[in-house]
Amino acid sequence: MIYCFSRFTIKELCALEEIQSEVSDLTNDIKTLEDNLAWLMDSENQLTKQWNEKDGKVQQLGVELNQQTTKLIRAEKQIKQLKRTLDLIGHEKQALILLAEKDLCTKELIESNESALQQLAELSVRSLYEVFHTLLLHIHDG
């Protein structure tokens, strides 16, 4: 600090030092806010990327579920056709055996579809939980 007694008083110089200190503090606060903003923007980009990836997985599971549903419908139609054919032939024992075999196949497809639905539901819930949990952690830490 330079004292120039002819031009400024000690009181004026002290006030100037206080103002300079406040400006320095405000500059530091602005830098901190800018750093926080950059961090939040990066976090938002990461969360958006994760969301898009998980959304893609959910869509893929939806496609697989539709494929399994189509296969199940096709299997049910085949069972009905076979049953009609066997009824026409009149082989009751063979019809029951074939029907039982087709019934097992149908049950396997149903279980497969239920599994896919369960996985889809779990993935959806887990994805939403992870996104919001991460977001809340970032907001809380920030």
C-alpha atoms as a PDB file:
ATOM      1  CA  MET A   1       0.000   0.000   0.000  1.00  0.00           C
ATOM      2  CA  ILE A   2       1.346   3.369  -1.034  1.00  0.00           C
ATOM      3  CA  TYR A   3       0.446   6.400   1.019  1.00  0.00           C
ATOM      4  CA  CYS A   4       0.190   9.635  -0.799  1.00  0.00           C
ATOM      5  CA  PHE A   5      -0.806  12.088   1.888  1.00  0.00           C
ATOM      6  CA  SER A   6      -1.204  15.016  -0.421  1.00  0.00           C
ATOM      7  CA  ARG A   7      -3.911  13.406  -2.502  1.00  0.00           C
ATOM      8  CA  PHE A   8      -5.824  10.779  -0.350  1.00  0.00           C
ATOM      9  CA  THR A   9      -6.538  10.505   3.314  1.00  0.00           C
ATOM     10  CA  ILE A  10      -5.786   7.379   5.333  1.00  0.00           C
ATOM     11  CA  LYS A  11      -9.531   6.821   5.661  1.00  0.00           C
ATOM     12  CA  GLU A  12      -9.967   6.928   1.879  1.00  0.00           C
ATOM     13  CA  LEU A  13      -7.074   4.520   1.384  1.00  0.00           C
ATOM     14  CA  CYS A  14      -8.571   2.074   3.915  1.00  0.00           C
ATOM     15  CA  ALA A  15     -11.930   2.286   2.137  1.00  0.00           C
ATOM     16  CA  LEU A  16     -10.177   1.608  -1.174  1.00  0.00           C
ATOM     17  CA  GLU A  17      -8.459  -1.455   0.326  1.00  0.00           C
ATOM     18  CA  GLU A  18     -11.821  -2.736   1.599  1.00  0.00           C
ATOM     19  CA  ILE A  19     -13.376  -2.302  -1.839  1.00  0.00           C
ATOM     20  CA  GLN A  20     -10.452  -4.113  -3.466  1.00  0.00           C
ATOM     21  CA  SER A  21     -10.802  -6.955  -0.955  1.00  0.00           C
ATOM     22  CA  GLU A  22     -14.547  -7.220  -1.671  1.00  0.00           C
ATOM     23  CA  VAL A  23     -13.891  -7.262  -5.423  1.00  0.00           C
ATOM     24  CA  SER A  24     -11.334 -10.018  -4.921  1.00  0.00           C
ATOM     25  CA  ASP A  25     -13.820 -12.034  -2.822  1.00  0.00           C
ATOM     26  CA  LEU A  26     -16.540 -11.549  -5.431  1.00  0.00           C
ATOM     27  CA  THR A  27     -14.148 -12.609  -8.191  1.00  0.00           C
ATOM     28  CA  ASN A  28     -13.360 -15.793  -6.249  1.00  0.00           C
ATOM     29  CA  ASP A  29     -17.080 -16.424  -5.725  1.00  0.00           C
ATOM     30  CA  ILE A  30     -17.741 -15.999  -9.454  1.00  0.00           C
ATOM     31  CA  LYS A  31     -14.941 -18.454 -10.279  1.00  0.00           C
ATOM     32  CA  THR A  32     -16.412 -20.982  -7.843  1.00  0.00           C
ATOM     33  CA  LEU A  33     -19.882 -20.538  -9.371  1.00  0.00           C
ATOM     34  CA  GLU A  34     -18.478 -20.962 -12.887  1.00  0.00           C
ATOM     35  CA  ASP A  35     -16.684 -24.157 -11.818  1.00  0.00           C
ATOM     36  CA  ASN A  36     -19.891 -25.473 -10.236  1.00  0.00           C
ATOM     37  CA  LEU A  37     -21.875 -24.642 -13.367  1.00  0.00           C
ATOM     38  CA  ALA A  38     -19.351 -26.458 -15.568  1.00  0.00           C
ATOM     39  CA  TRP A  39     -19.491 -29.476 -13.258  1.00  0.00           C
ATOM     40  CA  LEU A  40     -23.316 -29.487 -13.282  1.00  0.00           C
ATOM     41  CA  MET A  41     -23.415 -29.234 -17.070  1.00  0.00           C
ATOM     42  CA  ASP A  42     -20.979 -32.148 -17.361  1.00  0.00           C
ATOM     43  CA  SER A  43     -23.070 -34.162 -14.898  1.00  0.00           C
ATOM     44  CA  GLU A  44     -26.207 -33.391 -16.875  1.00  0.00           C
ATOM     45  CA  ASN A  45     -24.521 -34.551 -20.090  1.00  0.00           C
ATOM     46  CA  GLN A  46     -23.405 -37.783 -18.419  1.00  0.00           C
ATOM     47  CA  LEU A  47     -26.897 -38.411 -17.048  1.00  0.00           C
ATOM     48  CA  THR A  48     -28.433 -37.725 -20.450  1.00  0.00           C
ATOM     49  CA  LYS A  49     -26.023 -40.183 -22.043  1.00  0.00           C
ATOM     50  CA  GLN A  50     -26.828 -42.830 -19.420  1.00  0.00           C
ATOM     51  CA  TRP A  51     -30.548 -42.197 -19.876  1.00  0.00           C
ATOM     52  CA  ASN A  52     -30.261 -42.619 -23.647  1.00  0.00           C
ATOM     53  CA  GLU A  53     -28.269 -45.842 -23.257  1.00  0.00           C
ATOM     54  CA  LYS A  54     -30.801 -47.287 -20.839  1.00  0.00           C
ATOM     55  CA  ASP A  55     -33.669 -46.135 -23.036  1.00  0.00           C
ATOM     56  CA  GLY A  56     -32.041 -48.009 -25.925  1.00  0.00           C
ATOM     57  CA  LYS A  57     -31.840 -51.137 -23.791  1.00  0.00           C
ATOM     58  CA  VAL A  58     -35.499 -50.789 -22.833  1.00  0.00           C
ATOM     59  CA  GLN A  59     -36.449 -50.416 -26.496  1.00  0.00           C
ATOM     60  CA  GLN A  60     -34.385 -53.487 -27.375  1.00  0.00           C
ATOM     61  CA  LEU A  61     -36.152 -55.481 -24.664  1.00  0.00           C
ATOM     62  CA  GLY A  62     -39.462 -54.235 -26.053  1.00  0.00           C
ATOM     63  CA  VAL A  63     -38.519 -55.551 -29.495  1.00  0.00           C
ATOM     64  CA  GLU A  64     -37.506 -58.899 -28.004  1.00  0.00           C
ATOM     65  CA  LEU A  65     -40.769 -59.031 -26.070  1.00  0.00           C
ATOM     66  CA  ASN A  66     -42.744 -58.378 -29.262  1.00  0.00           C
ATOM     67  CA  GLN A  67     -40.819 -61.150 -31.021  1.00  0.00           C
ATOM     68  CA  GLN A  68     -41.566 -63.573 -28.208  1.00  0.00           C
ATOM     69  CA  THR A  69     -45.231 -62.584 -28.267  1.00  0.00           C
ATOM     70  CA  THR A  70     -45.345 -63.195 -32.021  1.00  0.00           C
ATOM     71  CA  LYS A  71     -43.762 -66.623 -31.548  1.00  0.00           C
ATOM     72  CA  LEU A  72     -46.249 -67.459 -28.827  1.00  0.00           C
ATOM     73  CA  ILE A  73     -49.192 -66.473 -31.034  1.00  0.00           C
ATOM     74  CA  ARG A  74     -47.766 -68.538 -33.881  1.00  0.00           C
ATOM     75  CA  ALA A  75     -47.323 -71.544 -31.580  1.00  0.00           C
ATOM     76  CA  GLU A  76     -50.894 -71.229 -30.336  1.00  0.00           C
ATOM     77  CA  LYS A  77     -52.167 -71.180 -33.937  1.00  0.00           C
ATOM     78  CA  GLN A  78     -50.119 -74.282 -34.749  1.00  0.00           C
ATOM     79  CA  ILE A  79     -51.533 -76.066 -31.736  1.00  0.00           C
ATOM     80  CA  LYS A  80     -55.058 -75.274 -32.850  1.00  0.00           C
ATOM     81  CA  GLN A  81     -54.326 -76.488 -36.401  1.00  0.00           C
ATOM     82  CA  LEU A  82     -52.757 -79.710 -35.161  1.00  0.00           C
ATOM     83  CA  LYS A  83     -55.659 -80.344 -32.837  1.00  0.00           C
ATOM     84  CA  ARG A  84     -58.159 -79.866 -35.660  1.00  0.00           C
ATOM     85  CA  THR A  85     -56.126 -82.155 -37.937  1.00  0.00           C
ATOM     86  CA  LEU A  86     -55.875 -84.861 -35.293  1.00  0.00           C
ATOM     87  CA  ASP A  87     -59.554 -84.592 -34.492  1.00  0.00           C
ATOM     88  CA  LEU A  88     -60.313 -85.174 -38.153  1.00  0.00           C
ATOM     89  CA  ILE A  89     -58.046 -88.222 -38.263  1.00  0.00           C
ATOM     90  CA  GLY A  90     -59.617 -89.619 -35.132  1.00  0.00           C
ATOM     91  CA  HIS A  91     -56.445 -90.605 -33.291  1.00  0.00           C
ATOM     92  CA  GLU A  92     -57.364 -89.526 -29.829  1.00  0.00           C
ATOM     93  CA  LYS A  93     -54.257 -90.911 -28.091  1.00  0.00           C
ATOM     94  CA  GLN A  94     -51.863 -89.384 -30.595  1.00  0.00           C
ATOM     95  CA  ALA A  95     -53.743 -86.111 -30.389  1.00  0.00           C
ATOM     96  CA  LEU A  96     -53.385 -86.039 -26.637  1.00  0.00           C
ATOM     97  CA  ILE A  97     -49.629 -86.758 -26.847  1.00  0.00           C
ATOM     98  CA  LEU A  98     -49.062 -84.111 -29.509  1.00  0.00           C
ATOM     99  CA  LEU A  99     -51.250 -81.667 -27.681  1.00  0.00           C
ATOM    100  CA  ALA A 100     -49.308 -82.306 -24.475  1.00  0.00           C
ATOM    101  CA  GLU A 101     -46.013 -81.714 -26.322  1.00  0.00           C
ATOM    102  CA  LYS A 102     -47.314 -78.493 -27.835  1.00  0.00           C
ATOM    103  CA  ASP A 103     -48.692 -77.479 -24.464  1.00  0.00           C
ATOM    104  CA  LEU A 104     -45.186 -77.857 -22.998  1.00  0.00           C
ATOM    105  CA  CYS A 105     -43.741 -75.737 -25.797  1.00  0.00           C
ATOM    106  CA  THR A 106     -46.378 -73.100 -25.202  1.00  0.00           C
ATOM    107  CA  LYS A 107     -45.678 -73.067 -21.479  1.00  0.00           C
ATOM    108  CA  GLU A 108     -41.961 -72.598 -22.190  1.00  0.00           C
ATOM    109  CA  LEU A 109     -42.741 -69.645 -24.458  1.00  0.00           C
ATOM    110  CA  ILE A 110     -45.045 -68.161 -21.835  1.00  0.00           C
ATOM    111  CA  GLU A 111     -42.329 -68.494 -19.192  1.00  0.00           C
ATOM    112  CA  SER A 112     -39.828 -66.912 -21.583  1.00  0.00           C
ATOM    113  CA  ASN A 113     -42.182 -63.987 -22.186  1.00  0.00           C
ATOM    114  CA  GLU A 114     -42.836 -63.571 -18.475  1.00  0.00           C
ATOM    115  CA  SER A 115     -39.084 -63.536 -17.881  1.00  0.00           C
ATOM    116  CA  ALA A 116     -38.588 -60.903 -20.576  1.00  0.00           C
ATOM    117  CA  LEU A 117     -41.395 -58.789 -19.097  1.00  0.00           C
ATOM    118  CA  GLN A 118     -39.862 -59.099 -15.642  1.00  0.00           C
ATOM    119  CA  GLN A 119     -36.425 -58.111 -16.963  1.00  0.00           C
ATOM    120  CA  LEU A 120     -37.937 -55.145 -18.775  1.00  0.00           C
ATOM    121  CA  ALA A 121     -39.741 -54.008 -15.647  1.00  0.00           C
ATOM    122  CA  GLU A 122     -36.637 -54.415 -13.489  1.00  0.00           C
ATOM    123  CA  LEU A 123     -34.458 -52.580 -16.004  1.00  0.00           C
ATOM    124  CA  SER A 124     -36.931 -49.709 -16.189  1.00  0.00           C
ATOM    125  CA  VAL A 125     -37.149 -49.358 -12.419  1.00  0.00           C
ATOM    126  CA  ARG A 126     -33.394 -49.767 -11.970  1.00  0.00           C
ATOM    127  CA  SER A 127     -32.652 -47.225 -14.711  1.00  0.00           C
ATOM    128  CA  LEU A 128     -34.971 -44.624 -13.253  1.00  0.00           C
ATOM    129  CA  TYR A 129     -33.604 -45.243  -9.768  1.00  0.00           C
ATOM    130  CA  GLU A 130     -29.982 -44.895 -10.919  1.00  0.00           C
ATOM    131  CA  VAL A 131     -30.646 -41.712 -12.883  1.00  0.00           C
ATOM    132  CA  PHE A 132     -32.537 -39.984 -10.104  1.00  0.00           C
ATOM    133  CA  HIS A 133     -30.197 -41.256  -7.402  1.00  0.00           C
ATOM    134  CA  THR A 134     -27.169 -39.950  -9.322  1.00  0.00           C
ATOM    135  CA  LEU A 135     -28.910 -36.641  -9.965  1.00  0.00           C
ATOM    136  CA  LEU A 136     -29.848 -36.249  -6.324  1.00  0.00           C
ATOM    137  CA  LEU A 137     -26.298 -37.064  -5.227  1.00  0.00           C
ATOM    138  CA  HIS A 138     -24.890 -34.448  -7.577  1.00  0.00           C
ATOM    139  CA  ILE A 139     -27.396 -31.841  -6.487  1.00  0.00           C
ATOM    140  CA  HIS A 140     -26.783 -32.649  -2.824  1.00  0.00           C
ATOM    141  CA  ASP A 141     -22.980 -32.567  -3.194  1.00  0.00           C
ATOM    142  CA  GLY A 142     -23.090 -29.361  -5.266  1.00  0.00           C
END
